[in-house]
Amino acid sequence: MAGAKASPPTTPSSMSHTVSALWKSYVQKTPERLKFIDAFLTFIVLSGVFQFVYCVLVTNFPFNAFLAGFASSVGQFVLTASLRAQVNPENRSEFKDVSPERAFADFALGSIVLHFFVFNFLG
């Protein structure tokens, strides 16, 4: 393509500077409530990765247990990400009719329903 500018190559030092600036901004500007939710999201992702690696490397017997556990991780991640979006003060204009208490109640009810189905899938 004539006239298209190529982006400059990314160096490790510029990447580390970008990541450190991102982390510094996150630590300074993110409310504690959202940091707590982010820590839970990280735990859920690590749990799902661990289950998948265990299934691939060790065994997938019984397969229903793996599917239920992995589906639980994915479902809980989606519910928690939704909660994070609803309680984020920067998204107040999108969720003006939803209070943080209502968002948490929706999250709790959704989690109960999700785990009811996961428990029934185990057999």
PDB file of N, CA and C in Angstrom:
ATOM      1  N   MET A   1       0.837  -1.172   0.000  1.00  0.00           N
ATOM      2  CA  MET A   1       0.000   0.000   0.000  1.00  0.00           C
ATOM      3  C   MET A   1       0.882   1.234   0.000  1.00  0.00           C
ATOM      4  N   ALA A   2       0.761   2.014  -1.020  1.00  0.00           N
ATOM      5  CA  ALA A   2       1.558   3.230  -1.142  1.00  0.00           C
ATOM      6  C   ALA A   2       1.056   4.276  -0.165  1.00  0.00           C
ATOM      7  N   GLY A   3       1.966   4.898   0.501  1.00  0.00           N
ATOM      8  CA  GLY A   3       1.601   5.982   1.395  1.00  0.00           C
ATOM      9  C   GLY A   3       1.248   5.548   2.807  1.00  0.00           C
ATOM     10  N   ALA A   4       1.131   4.250   3.057  1.00  0.00           N
ATOM     11  CA  ALA A   4       0.794   3.789   4.402  1.00  0.00           C
ATOM     12  C   ALA A   4       2.043   3.826   5.262  1.00  0.00           C
ATOM     13  N   LYS A   5       1.914   4.384   6.435  1.00  0.00           N
ATOM     14  CA  LYS A   5       3.057   4.470   7.335  1.00  0.00           C
ATOM     15  C   LYS A   5       3.175   3.174   8.124  1.00  0.00           C
ATOM     16  N   ALA A   6       4.375   2.693   8.224  1.00  0.00           N
ATOM     17  CA  ALA A   6       4.629   1.517   9.051  1.00  0.00           C
ATOM     18  C   ALA A   6       4.838   1.988  10.480  1.00  0.00           C
ATOM     19  N   SER A   7       4.284   1.235  11.430  1.00  0.00           N
ATOM     20  CA  SER A   7       4.467   1.615  12.824  1.00  0.00           C
ATOM     21  C   SER A   7       5.909   1.314  13.226  1.00  0.00           C
ATOM     22  N   PRO A   8       6.464   2.141  14.100  1.00  0.00           N
ATOM     23  CA  PRO A   8       7.844   1.914  14.510  1.00  0.00           C
ATOM     24  C   PRO A   8       7.946   0.602  15.290  1.00  0.00           C
ATOM     25  N   PRO A   9       9.089  -0.060  15.186  1.00  0.00           N
ATOM     26  CA  PRO A   9       9.239  -1.320  15.912  1.00  0.00           C
ATOM     27  C   PRO A   9       9.169  -1.089  17.417  1.00  0.00           C
ATOM     28  N   THR A  10       8.572  -2.034  18.106  1.00  0.00           N
ATOM     29  CA  THR A  10       8.423  -1.925  19.553  1.00  0.00           C
ATOM     30  C   THR A  10       9.659  -2.499  20.227  1.00  0.00           C
ATOM     31  N   THR A  11      10.271  -1.713  21.072  1.00  0.00           N
ATOM     32  CA  THR A  11      11.447  -2.178  21.796  1.00  0.00           C
ATOM     33  C   THR A  11      11.035  -2.624  23.183  1.00  0.00           C
ATOM     34  N   PRO A  12      11.806  -3.520  23.780  1.00  0.00           N
ATOM     35  CA  PRO A  12      11.464  -3.969  25.137  1.00  0.00           C
ATOM     36  C   PRO A  12      11.412  -2.836  26.152  1.00  0.00           C
ATOM     37  N   SER A  13      12.263  -1.826  26.003  1.00  0.00           N
ATOM     38  CA  SER A  13      12.248  -0.727  26.976  1.00  0.00           C
ATOM     39  C   SER A  13      10.974   0.102  26.847  1.00  0.00           C
ATOM     40  N   SER A  14      10.492   0.319  25.608  1.00  0.00           N
ATOM     41  CA  SER A  14       9.253   1.081  25.461  1.00  0.00           C
ATOM     42  C   SER A  14       8.058   0.273  25.960  1.00  0.00           C
ATOM     43  N   MET A  15       8.101  -1.037  25.773  1.00  0.00           N
ATOM     44  CA  MET A  15       7.024  -1.892  26.296  1.00  0.00           C
ATOM     45  C   MET A  15       7.008  -1.856  27.822  1.00  0.00           C
ATOM     46  N   SER A  16       8.180  -1.963  28.441  1.00  0.00           N
ATOM     47  CA  SER A  16       8.218  -1.943  29.902  1.00  0.00           C
ATOM     48  C   SER A  16       7.792  -0.583  30.438  1.00  0.00           C
ATOM     49  N   HIS A  17       8.152   0.483  29.743  1.00  0.00           N
ATOM     50  CA  HIS A  17       7.723   1.822  30.157  1.00  0.00           C
ATOM     51  C   HIS A  17       6.202   1.951  30.045  1.00  0.00           C
ATOM     52  N   THR A  18       5.640   1.429  28.960  1.00  0.00           N
ATOM     53  CA  THR A  18       4.186   1.477  28.760  1.00  0.00           C
ATOM     54  C   THR A  18       3.458   0.681  29.833  1.00  0.00           C
ATOM     55  N   VAL A  19       3.958  -0.520  30.118  1.00  0.00           N
ATOM     56  CA  VAL A  19       3.324  -1.362  31.135  1.00  0.00           C
ATOM     57  C   VAL A  19       3.436  -0.722  32.511  1.00  0.00           C
ATOM     58  N   SER A  20       4.590  -0.144  32.832  1.00  0.00           N
ATOM     59  CA  SER A  20       4.740   0.485  34.149  1.00  0.00           C
ATOM     60  C   SER A  20       3.850   1.727  34.276  1.00  0.00           C
ATOM     61  N   ALA A  21       3.695   2.482  33.192  1.00  0.00           N
ATOM     62  CA  ALA A  21       2.801   3.645  33.229  1.00  0.00           C
ATOM     63  C   ALA A  21       1.347   3.200  33.392  1.00  0.00           C
ATOM     64  N   LEU A  22       0.985   2.125  32.706  1.00  0.00           N
ATOM     65  CA  LEU A  22      -0.369   1.587  32.843  1.00  0.00           C
ATOM     66  C   LEU A  22      -0.626   1.124  34.272  1.00  0.00           C
ATOM     67  N   TRP A  23       0.334   0.408  34.849  1.00  0.00           N
ATOM     68  CA  TRP A  23       0.182  -0.100  36.217  1.00  0.00           C
ATOM     69  C   TRP A  23       0.103   1.060  37.217  1.00  0.00           C
ATOM     70  N   LYS A  24       0.943   2.074  37.034  1.00  0.00           N
ATOM     71  CA  LYS A  24       0.934   3.228  37.938  1.00  0.00           C
ATOM     72  C   LYS A  24      -0.410   3.947  37.875  1.00  0.00           C
ATOM     73  N   SER A  25      -0.949   4.119  36.688  1.00  0.00           N
ATOM     74  CA  SER A  25      -2.256   4.753  36.527  1.00  0.00           C
ATOM     75  C   SER A  25      -3.356   3.911  37.165  1.00  0.00           C
ATOM     76  N   TYR A  26      -3.268   2.593  36.985  1.00  0.00           N
ATOM     77  CA  TYR A  26      -4.268   1.691  37.589  1.00  0.00           C
ATOM     78  C   TYR A  26      -4.246   1.801  39.113  1.00  0.00           C
ATOM     79  N   VAL A  27      -3.054   1.772  39.698  1.00  0.00           N
ATOM     80  CA  VAL A  27      -2.933   1.820  41.157  1.00  0.00           C
ATOM     81  C   VAL A  27      -3.437   3.152  41.703  1.00  0.00           C
ATOM     82  N   GLN A  28      -3.167   4.251  41.010  1.00  0.00           N
ATOM     83  CA  GLN A  28      -3.536   5.571  41.506  1.00  0.00           C
ATOM     84  C   GLN A  28      -5.013   5.903  41.298  1.00  0.00           C
ATOM     85  N   LYS A  29      -5.590   5.495  40.172  1.00  0.00           N
ATOM     86  CA  LYS A  29      -6.922   5.977  39.802  1.00  0.00           C
ATOM     87  C   LYS A  29      -8.062   4.989  40.014  1.00  0.00           C
ATOM     88  N   THR A  30      -7.773   3.713  40.209  1.00  0.00           N
ATOM     89  CA  THR A  30      -8.833   2.723  40.337  1.00  0.00           C
ATOM     90  C   THR A  30      -9.304   2.644  41.787  1.00  0.00           C
ATOM     91  N   PRO A  31     -10.608   2.735  42.017  1.00  0.00           N
ATOM     92  CA  PRO A  31     -11.123   2.620  43.390  1.00  0.00           C
ATOM     93  C   PRO A  31     -10.845   1.232  43.986  1.00  0.00           C
ATOM     94  N   GLU A  32     -10.769   1.183  45.308  1.00  0.00           N
ATOM     95  CA  GLU A  32     -10.469  -0.075  46.004  1.00  0.00           C
ATOM     96  C   GLU A  32     -11.501  -1.161  45.695  1.00  0.00           C
ATOM     97  N   ARG A  33     -12.759  -0.778  45.572  1.00  0.00           N
ATOM     98  CA  ARG A  33     -13.817  -1.750  45.285  1.00  0.00           C
ATOM     99  C   ARG A  33     -13.550  -2.458  43.948  1.00  0.00           C
ATOM    100  N   LEU A  34     -13.118  -1.704  42.957  1.00  0.00           N
ATOM    101  CA  LEU A  34     -12.832  -2.295  41.650  1.00  0.00           C
ATOM    102  C   LEU A  34     -11.557  -3.133  41.685  1.00  0.00           C
ATOM    103  N   LYS A  35     -10.585  -2.725  42.496  1.00  0.00           N
ATOM    104  CA  LYS A  35      -9.366  -3.534  42.628  1.00  0.00           C
ATOM    105  C   LYS A  35      -9.693  -4.895  43.242  1.00  0.00           C
ATOM    106  N   PHE A  36     -10.592  -4.910  44.204  1.00  0.00           N
ATOM    107  CA  PHE A  36     -11.010  -6.170  44.823  1.00  0.00           C
ATOM    108  C   PHE A  36     -11.697  -7.070  43.796  1.00  0.00           C
ATOM    109  N   ILE A  37     -12.566  -6.495  42.985  1.00  0.00           N
ATOM    110  CA  ILE A  37     -13.245  -7.258  41.932  1.00  0.00           C
ATOM    111  C   ILE A  37     -12.221  -7.755  40.907  1.00  0.00           C
ATOM    112  N   ASP A  38     -11.246  -6.925  40.571  1.00  0.00           N
ATOM    113  CA  ASP A  38     -10.204  -7.329  39.626  1.00  0.00           C
ATOM    114  C   ASP A  38      -9.368  -8.487  40.173  1.00  0.00           C
ATOM    115  N   ALA A  39      -9.101  -8.474  41.476  1.00  0.00           N
ATOM    116  CA  ALA A  39      -8.364  -9.587  42.090  1.00  0.00           C
ATOM    117  C   ALA A  39      -9.175 -10.876  41.982  1.00  0.00           C
ATOM    118  N   PHE A  40     -10.482 -10.801  42.196  1.00  0.00           N
ATOM    119  CA  PHE A  40     -11.333 -11.975  42.062  1.00  0.00           C
ATOM    120  C   PHE A  40     -11.373 -12.454  40.613  1.00  0.00           C
ATOM    121  N   LEU A  41     -11.430 -11.531  39.660  1.00  0.00           N
ATOM    122  CA  LEU A  41     -11.391 -11.900  38.244  1.00  0.00           C
ATOM    123  C   LEU A  41     -10.081 -12.615  37.900  1.00  0.00           C
ATOM    124  N   THR A  42      -8.979 -12.131  38.452  1.00  0.00           N
ATOM    125  CA  THR A  42      -7.687 -12.782  38.225  1.00  0.00           C
ATOM    126  C   THR A  42      -7.693 -14.193  38.791  1.00  0.00           C
ATOM    127  N   PHE A  43      -8.244 -14.367  39.983  1.00  0.00           N
ATOM    128  CA  PHE A  43      -8.345 -15.695  40.582  1.00  0.00           C
ATOM    129  C   PHE A  43      -9.181 -16.632  39.707  1.00  0.00           C
ATOM    130  N   ILE A  44     -10.287 -16.140  39.180  1.00  0.00           N
ATOM    131  CA  ILE A  44     -11.150 -16.972  38.338  1.00  0.00           C
ATOM    132  C   ILE A  44     -10.416 -17.396  37.071  1.00  0.00           C
ATOM    133  N   VAL A  45      -9.688 -16.473  36.453  1.00  0.00           N
ATOM    134  CA  VAL A  45      -8.934 -16.812  35.242  1.00  0.00           C
ATOM    135  C   VAL A  45      -7.875 -17.861  35.555  1.00  0.00           C
ATOM    136  N   LEU A  46      -7.132 -17.672  36.642  1.00  0.00           N
ATOM    137  CA  LEU A  46      -6.106 -18.648  37.018  1.00  0.00           C
ATOM    138  C   LEU A  46      -6.720 -20.005  37.332  1.00  0.00           C
ATOM    139  N   SER A  47      -7.864 -20.014  37.963  1.00  0.00           N
ATOM    140  CA  SER A  47      -8.556 -21.265  38.253  1.00  0.00           C
ATOM    141  C   SER A  47      -8.948 -21.987  36.971  1.00  0.00           C
ATOM    142  N   GLY A  48      -9.501 -21.254  36.009  1.00  0.00           N
ATOM    143  CA  GLY A  48      -9.877 -21.859  34.731  1.00  0.00           C
ATOM    144  C   GLY A  48      -8.677 -22.377  33.965  1.00  0.00           C
ATOM    145  N   VAL A  49      -7.578 -21.617  33.973  1.00  0.00           N
ATOM    146  CA  VAL A  49      -6.358 -22.052  33.293  1.00  0.00           C
ATOM    147  C   VAL A  49      -5.821 -23.314  33.956  1.00  0.00           C
ATOM    148  N   PHE A  50      -5.804 -23.338  35.277  1.00  0.00           N
ATOM    149  CA  PHE A  50      -5.320 -24.519  35.998  1.00  0.00           C
ATOM    150  C   PHE A  50      -6.173 -25.746  35.664  1.00  0.00           C
ATOM    151  N   GLN A  51      -7.483 -25.593  35.641  1.00  0.00           N
ATOM    152  CA  GLN A  51      -8.357 -26.718  35.300  1.00  0.00           C
ATOM    153  C   GLN A  51      -8.084 -27.217  33.889  1.00  0.00           C
ATOM    154  N   PHE A  52      -7.907 -26.309  32.948  1.00  0.00           N
ATOM    155  CA  PHE A  52      -7.654 -26.703  31.560  1.00  0.00           C
ATOM    156  C   PHE A  52      -6.311 -27.409  31.428  1.00  0.00           C
ATOM    157  N   VAL A  53      -5.272 -26.862  32.051  1.00  0.00           N
ATOM    158  CA  VAL A  53      -3.944 -27.483  31.986  1.00  0.00           C
ATOM    159  C   VAL A  53      -3.977 -28.862  32.636  1.00  0.00           C
ATOM    160  N   TYR A  54      -4.651 -28.987  33.767  1.00  0.00           N
ATOM    161  CA  TYR A  54      -4.778 -30.288  34.431  1.00  0.00           C
ATOM    162  C   TYR A  54      -5.484 -31.289  33.524  1.00  0.00           C
ATOM    163  N   CYS A  55      -6.538 -30.851  32.857  1.00  0.00           N
ATOM    164  CA  CYS A  55      -7.285 -31.732  31.955  1.00  0.00           C
ATOM    165  C   CYS A  55      -6.412 -32.192  30.796  1.00  0.00           C
ATOM    166  N   VAL A  56      -5.591 -31.299  30.255  1.00  0.00           N
ATOM    167  CA  VAL A  56      -4.746 -31.641  29.110  1.00  0.00           C
ATOM    168  C   VAL A  56      -3.565 -32.515  29.530  1.00  0.00           C
ATOM    169  N   LEU A  57      -2.912 -32.174  30.639  1.00  0.00           N
ATOM    170  CA  LEU A  57      -1.689 -32.864  31.017  1.00  0.00           C
ATOM    171  C   LEU A  57      -1.905 -34.132  31.837  1.00  0.00           C
ATOM    172  N   VAL A  58      -2.904 -34.153  32.700  1.00  0.00           N
ATOM    173  CA  VAL A  58      -3.059 -35.281  33.616  1.00  0.00           C
ATOM    174  C   VAL A  58      -4.167 -36.209  33.138  1.00  0.00           C
ATOM    175  N   THR A  59      -5.395 -35.775  33.257  1.00  0.00           N
ATOM    176  CA  THR A  59      -6.521 -36.607  32.843  1.00  0.00           C
ATOM    177  C   THR A  59      -7.770 -35.751  32.711  1.00  0.00           C
ATOM    178  N   ASN A  60      -8.683 -36.237  31.918  1.00  0.00           N
ATOM    179  CA  ASN A  60      -9.965 -35.542  31.826  1.00  0.00           C
ATOM    180  C   ASN A  60     -11.089 -36.433  32.341  1.00  0.00           C
ATOM    181  N   PHE A  61     -10.734 -37.459  33.135  1.00  0.00           N
ATOM    182  CA  PHE A  61     -11.748 -38.332  33.712  1.00  0.00           C
ATOM    183  C   PHE A  61     -12.143 -37.797  35.068  1.00  0.00           C
ATOM    184  N   PRO A  62     -13.340 -37.647  35.426  1.00  0.00           N
ATOM    185  CA  PRO A  62     -14.551 -37.691  34.607  1.00  0.00           C
ATOM    186  C   PRO A  62     -14.730 -36.376  33.846  1.00  0.00           C
ATOM    187  N   PHE A  63     -15.068 -36.493  32.594  1.00  0.00           N
ATOM    188  CA  PHE A  63     -15.133 -35.325  31.715  1.00  0.00           C
ATOM    189  C   PHE A  63     -16.230 -34.354  32.152  1.00  0.00           C
ATOM    190  N   ASN A  64     -17.340 -34.869  32.707  1.00  0.00           N
ATOM    191  CA  ASN A  64     -18.412 -33.987  33.182  1.00  0.00           C
ATOM    192  C   ASN A  64     -17.898 -33.038  34.265  1.00  0.00           C
ATOM    193  N   ALA A  65     -17.001 -33.531  35.121  1.00  0.00           N
ATOM    194  CA  ALA A  65     -16.461 -32.685  36.188  1.00  0.00           C
ATOM    195  C   ALA A  65     -15.634 -31.552  35.602  1.00  0.00           C
ATOM    196  N   PHE A  66     -14.825 -31.882  34.577  1.00  0.00           N
ATOM    197  CA  PHE A  66     -14.042 -30.820  33.935  1.00  0.00           C
ATOM    198  C   PHE A  66     -14.957 -29.794  33.282  1.00  0.00           C
ATOM    199  N   LEU A  67     -15.950 -30.264  32.538  1.00  0.00           N
ATOM    200  CA  LEU A  67     -16.858 -29.335  31.863  1.00  0.00           C
ATOM    201  C   LEU A  67     -17.601 -28.459  32.868  1.00  0.00           C
ATOM    202  N   ALA A  68     -18.061 -29.056  33.950  1.00  0.00           N
ATOM    203  CA  ALA A  68     -18.784 -28.287  34.964  1.00  0.00           C
ATOM    204  C   ALA A  68     -17.872 -27.248  35.620  1.00  0.00           C
ATOM    205  N   GLY A  69     -16.665 -27.653  35.971  1.00  0.00           N
ATOM    206  CA  GLY A  69     -15.735 -26.729  36.614  1.00  0.00           C
ATOM    207  C   GLY A  69     -15.314 -25.601  35.696  1.00  0.00           C
ATOM    208  N   PHE A  70     -15.028 -25.936  34.449  1.00  0.00           N
ATOM    209  CA  PHE A  70     -14.599 -24.910  33.502  1.00  0.00           C
ATOM    210  C   PHE A  70     -15.758 -23.976  33.163  1.00  0.00           C
ATOM    211  N   ALA A  71     -16.951 -24.538  32.980  1.00  0.00           N
ATOM    212  CA  ALA A  71     -18.130 -23.702  32.721  1.00  0.00           C
ATOM    213  C   ALA A  71     -18.420 -22.792  33.913  1.00  0.00           C
ATOM    214  N   SER A  72     -18.189 -23.303  35.111  1.00  0.00           N
ATOM    215  CA  SER A  72     -18.373 -22.480  36.300  1.00  0.00           C
ATOM    216  C   SER A  72     -17.394 -21.306  36.304  1.00  0.00           C
ATOM    217  N   SER A  73     -16.155 -21.560  35.931  1.00  0.00           N
ATOM    218  CA  SER A  73     -15.158 -20.483  35.876  1.00  0.00           C
ATOM    219  C   SER A  73     -15.537 -19.431  34.833  1.00  0.00           C
ATOM    220  N   VAL A  74     -15.928 -19.887  33.656  1.00  0.00           N
ATOM    221  CA  VAL A  74     -16.297 -18.949  32.598  1.00  0.00           C
ATOM    222  C   VAL A  74     -17.546 -18.154  32.986  1.00  0.00           C
ATOM    223  N   GLY A  75     -18.558 -18.842  33.492  1.00  0.00           N
ATOM    224  CA  GLY A  75     -19.796 -18.174  33.891  1.00  0.00           C
ATOM    225  C   GLY A  75     -19.582 -17.174  35.012  1.00  0.00           C
ATOM    226  N   GLN A  76     -18.780 -17.569  36.007  1.00  0.00           N
ATOM    227  CA  GLN A  76     -18.516 -16.666  37.122  1.00  0.00           C
ATOM    228  C   GLN A  76     -17.708 -15.459  36.659  1.00  0.00           C
ATOM    229  N   PHE A  77     -16.802 -15.668  35.705  1.00  0.00           N
ATOM    230  CA  PHE A  77     -16.041 -14.543  35.155  1.00  0.00           C
ATOM    231  C   PHE A  77     -16.974 -13.544  34.470  1.00  0.00           C
ATOM    232  N   VAL A  78     -17.908 -14.048  33.686  1.00  0.00           N
ATOM    233  CA  VAL A  78     -18.845 -13.169  32.975  1.00  0.00           C
ATOM    234  C   VAL A  78     -19.705 -12.385  33.972  1.00  0.00           C
ATOM    235  N   LEU A  79     -20.211 -13.073  34.989  1.00  0.00           N
ATOM    236  CA  LEU A  79     -21.033 -12.388  36.000  1.00  0.00           C
ATOM    237  C   LEU A  79     -20.226 -11.335  36.750  1.00  0.00           C
ATOM    238  N   THR A  80     -18.982 -11.649  37.093  1.00  0.00           N
ATOM    239  CA  THR A  80     -18.147 -10.716  37.838  1.00  0.00           C
ATOM    240  C   THR A  80     -17.738  -9.523  36.970  1.00  0.00           C
ATOM    241  N   ALA A  81     -17.441  -9.770  35.701  1.00  0.00           N
ATOM    242  CA  ALA A  81     -17.115  -8.659  34.796  1.00  0.00           C
ATOM    243  C   ALA A  81     -18.319  -7.738  34.630  1.00  0.00           C
ATOM    244  N   SER A  82     -19.513  -8.310  34.600  1.00  0.00           N
ATOM    245  CA  SER A  82     -20.725  -7.509  34.523  1.00  0.00           C
ATOM    246  C   SER A  82     -20.892  -6.669  35.790  1.00  0.00           C
ATOM    247  N   LEU A  83     -20.636  -7.275  36.939  1.00  0.00           N
ATOM    248  CA  LEU A  83     -20.705  -6.531  38.204  1.00  0.00           C
ATOM    249  C   LEU A  83     -19.704  -5.379  38.192  1.00  0.00           C
ATOM    250  N   ARG A  84     -18.483  -5.642  37.707  1.00  0.00           N
ATOM    251  CA  ARG A  84     -17.468  -4.596  37.668  1.00  0.00           C
ATOM    252  C   ARG A  84     -17.907  -3.436  36.782  1.00  0.00           C
ATOM    253  N   ALA A  85     -18.501  -3.757  35.654  1.00  0.00           N
ATOM    254  CA  ALA A  85     -18.962  -2.702  34.747  1.00  0.00           C
ATOM    255  C   ALA A  85     -20.075  -1.879  35.389  1.00  0.00           C
ATOM    256  N   GLN A  86     -20.944  -2.520  36.153  1.00  0.00           N
ATOM    257  CA  GLN A  86     -22.083  -1.810  36.733  1.00  0.00           C
ATOM    258  C   GLN A  86     -21.705  -0.952  37.931  1.00  0.00           C
ATOM    259  N   VAL A  87     -20.672  -1.343  38.695  1.00  0.00           N
ATOM    260  CA  VAL A  87     -20.312  -0.558  39.885  1.00  0.00           C
ATOM    261  C   VAL A  87     -19.185   0.435  39.609  1.00  0.00           C
ATOM    262  N   ASN A  88     -18.633   0.422  38.402  1.00  0.00           N
ATOM    263  CA  ASN A  88     -17.578   1.363  38.041  1.00  0.00           C
ATOM    264  C   ASN A  88     -18.160   2.779  37.977  1.00  0.00           C
ATOM    265  N   PRO A  89     -17.595   3.712  38.753  1.00  0.00           N
ATOM    266  CA  PRO A  89     -18.135   5.078  38.746  1.00  0.00           C
ATOM    267  C   PRO A  89     -18.067   5.763  37.373  1.00  0.00           C
ATOM    268  N   GLU A  90     -17.133   5.364  36.529  1.00  0.00           N
ATOM    269  CA  GLU A  90     -17.020   5.968  35.200  1.00  0.00           C
ATOM    270  C   GLU A  90     -18.153   5.533  34.275  1.00  0.00           C
ATOM    271  N   ASN A  91     -18.846   4.445  34.612  1.00  0.00           N
ATOM    272  CA  ASN A  91     -19.961   3.958  33.800  1.00  0.00           C
ATOM    273  C   ASN A  91     -21.317   4.373  34.369  1.00  0.00           C
ATOM    274  N   ARG A  92     -21.323   5.334  35.267  1.00  0.00           N
ATOM    275  CA  ARG A  92     -22.568   5.740  35.928  1.00  0.00           C
ATOM    276  C   ARG A  92     -23.615   6.198  34.920  1.00  0.00           C
ATOM    277  N   SER A  93     -23.196   6.794  33.822  1.00  0.00           N
ATOM    278  CA  SER A  93     -24.168   7.289  32.841  1.00  0.00           C
ATOM    279  C   SER A  93     -24.876   6.141  32.122  1.00  0.00           C
ATOM    280  N   GLU A  94     -24.196   5.016  31.946  1.00  0.00           N
ATOM    281  CA  GLU A  94     -24.822   3.869  31.272  1.00  0.00           C
ATOM    282  C   GLU A  94     -25.750   3.097  32.198  1.00  0.00           C
ATOM    283  N   PHE A  95     -25.429   3.059  33.477  1.00  0.00           N
ATOM    284  CA  PHE A  95     -26.207   2.284  34.444  1.00  0.00           C
ATOM    285  C   PHE A  95     -26.819   3.203  35.495  1.00  0.00           C
ATOM    286  N   LYS A  96     -27.429   4.291  35.054  1.00  0.00           N
ATOM    287  CA  LYS A  96     -27.962   5.266  36.018  1.00  0.00           C
ATOM    288  C   LYS A  96     -29.137   4.723  36.824  1.00  0.00           C
ATOM    289  N   ASP A  97     -29.856   3.723  36.293  1.00  0.00           N
ATOM    290  CA  ASP A  97     -30.997   3.154  37.023  1.00  0.00           C
ATOM    291  C   ASP A  97     -30.615   1.980  37.915  1.00  0.00           C
ATOM    292  N   VAL A  98     -29.329   1.584  37.917  1.00  0.00           N
ATOM    293  CA  VAL A  98     -28.881   0.422  38.684  1.00  0.00           C
ATOM    294  C   VAL A  98     -27.956   0.900  39.799  1.00  0.00           C
ATOM    295  N   SER A  99     -28.391   0.709  41.046  1.00  0.00           N
ATOM    296  CA  SER A  99     -27.533   1.067  42.174  1.00  0.00           C
ATOM    297  C   SER A  99     -26.492  -0.041  42.375  1.00  0.00           C
ATOM    298  N   PRO A 100     -25.388   0.265  43.055  1.00  0.00           N
ATOM    299  CA  PRO A 100     -24.396  -0.776  43.324  1.00  0.00           C
ATOM    300  C   PRO A 100     -24.974  -1.948  44.124  1.00  0.00           C
ATOM    301  N   GLU A 101     -25.919  -1.662  45.015  1.00  0.00           N
ATOM    302  CA  GLU A 101     -26.549  -2.728  45.793  1.00  0.00           C
ATOM    303  C   GLU A 101     -27.388  -3.630  44.893  1.00  0.00           C
ATOM    304  N   ARG A 102     -28.101  -3.039  43.956  1.00  0.00           N
ATOM    305  CA  ARG A 102     -28.900  -3.816  43.006  1.00  0.00           C
ATOM    306  C   ARG A 102     -27.991  -4.651  42.106  1.00  0.00           C
ATOM    307  N   ALA A 103     -26.879  -4.072  41.683  1.00  0.00           N
ATOM    308  CA  ALA A 103     -25.932  -4.805  40.840  1.00  0.00           C
ATOM    309  C   ALA A 103     -25.381  -6.013  41.595  1.00  0.00           C
ATOM    310  N   PHE A 104     -25.063  -5.832  42.880  1.00  0.00           N
ATOM    311  CA  PHE A 104     -24.556  -6.958  43.667  1.00  0.00           C
ATOM    312  C   PHE A 104     -25.633  -8.015  43.878  1.00  0.00           C
ATOM    313  N   ALA A 105     -26.864  -7.594  44.088  1.00  0.00           N
ATOM    314  CA  ALA A 105     -27.960  -8.561  44.247  1.00  0.00           C
ATOM    315  C   ALA A 105     -28.142  -9.366  42.956  1.00  0.00           C
ATOM    316  N   ASP A 106     -28.078  -8.712  41.806  1.00  0.00           N
ATOM    317  CA  ASP A 106     -28.153  -9.424  40.525  1.00  0.00           C
ATOM    318  C   ASP A 106     -26.996 -10.408  40.385  1.00  0.00           C
ATOM    319  N   PHE A 107     -25.800  -9.968  40.788  1.00  0.00           N
ATOM    320  CA  PHE A 107     -24.620 -10.831  40.736  1.00  0.00           C
ATOM    321  C   PHE A 107     -24.800 -12.057  41.628  1.00  0.00           C
ATOM    322  N   ALA A 108     -25.283 -11.834  42.839  1.00  0.00           N
ATOM    323  CA  ALA A 108     -25.463 -12.951  43.780  1.00  0.00           C
ATOM    324  C   ALA A 108     -26.514 -13.929  43.276  1.00  0.00           C
ATOM    325  N   LEU A 109     -27.634 -13.428  42.799  1.00  0.00           N
ATOM    326  CA  LEU A 109     -28.677 -14.311  42.277  1.00  0.00           C
ATOM    327  C   LEU A 109     -28.187 -15.071  41.041  1.00  0.00           C
ATOM    328  N   GLY A 110     -27.492 -14.388  40.146  1.00  0.00           N
ATOM    329  CA  GLY A 110     -26.935 -15.052  38.963  1.00  0.00           C
ATOM    330  C   GLY A 110     -25.927 -16.127  39.341  1.00  0.00           C
ATOM    331  N   SER A 111     -25.120 -15.866  40.356  1.00  0.00           N
ATOM    332  CA  SER A 111     -24.139 -16.853  40.813  1.00  0.00           C
ATOM    333  C   SER A 111     -24.817 -18.079  41.395  1.00  0.00           C
ATOM    334  N   ILE A 112     -25.890 -17.863  42.156  1.00  0.00           N
ATOM    335  CA  ILE A 112     -26.627 -18.992  42.728  1.00  0.00           C
ATOM    336  C   ILE A 112     -27.231 -19.851  41.625  1.00  0.00           C
ATOM    337  N   VAL A 113     -27.845 -19.222  40.652  1.00  0.00           N
ATOM    338  CA  VAL A 113     -28.449 -19.966  39.533  1.00  0.00           C
ATOM    339  C   VAL A 113     -27.367 -20.695  38.738  1.00  0.00           C
ATOM    340  N   LEU A 114     -26.256 -20.019  38.454  1.00  0.00           N
ATOM    341  CA  LEU A 114     -25.155 -20.646  37.724  1.00  0.00           C
ATOM    342  C   LEU A 114     -24.659 -21.891  38.441  1.00  0.00           C
ATOM    343  N   HIS A 115     -24.404 -21.779  39.730  1.00  0.00           N
ATOM    344  CA  HIS A 115     -23.857 -22.923  40.460  1.00  0.00           C
ATOM    345  C   HIS A 115     -24.897 -24.016  40.682  1.00  0.00           C
ATOM    346  N   PHE A 116     -26.163 -23.678  40.684  1.00  0.00           N
ATOM    347  CA  PHE A 116     -27.199 -24.710  40.711  1.00  0.00           C
ATOM    348  C   PHE A 116     -27.121 -25.563  39.451  1.00  0.00           C
ATOM    349  N   PHE A 117     -26.993 -24.923  38.296  1.00  0.00           N
ATOM    350  CA  PHE A 117     -26.884 -25.672  37.049  1.00  0.00           C
ATOM    351  C   PHE A 117     -25.576 -26.457  36.967  1.00  0.00           C
ATOM    352  N   VAL A 118     -24.500 -25.874  37.450  1.00  0.00           N
ATOM    353  CA  VAL A 118     -23.207 -26.575  37.442  1.00  0.00           C
ATOM    354  C   VAL A 118     -23.284 -27.807  38.328  1.00  0.00           C
ATOM    355  N   PHE A 119     -23.873 -27.679  39.500  1.00  0.00           N
ATOM    356  CA  PHE A 119     -24.003 -28.806  40.422  1.00  0.00           C
ATOM    357  C   PHE A 119     -24.871 -29.901  39.800  1.00  0.00           C
ATOM    358  N   ASN A 120     -25.939 -29.526  39.130  1.00  0.00           N
ATOM    359  CA  ASN A 120     -26.798 -30.529  38.476  1.00  0.00           C
ATOM    360  C   ASN A 120     -26.095 -31.194  37.293  1.00  0.00           C
ATOM    361  N   PHE A 121     -25.198 -30.485  36.619  1.00  0.00           N
ATOM    362  CA  PHE A 121     -24.478 -31.063  35.495  1.00  0.00           C
ATOM    363  C   PHE A 121     -23.485 -32.131  35.951  1.00  0.00           C
ATOM    364  N   LEU A 122     -23.006 -32.007  37.187  1.00  0.00           N
ATOM    365  CA  LEU A 122     -22.058 -33.008  37.694  1.00  0.00           C
ATOM    366  C   LEU A 122     -22.685 -34.400  37.731  1.00  0.00           C
ATOM    367  N   GLY A 123     -23.990 -34.467  37.898  1.00  0.00           N
ATOM    368  CA  GLY A 123     -24.662 -35.768  37.870  1.00  0.00           C
ATOM    369  C   GLY A 123     -24.905 -36.287  39.191  1.00  0.00           C
TER     370      GLY A 123
END
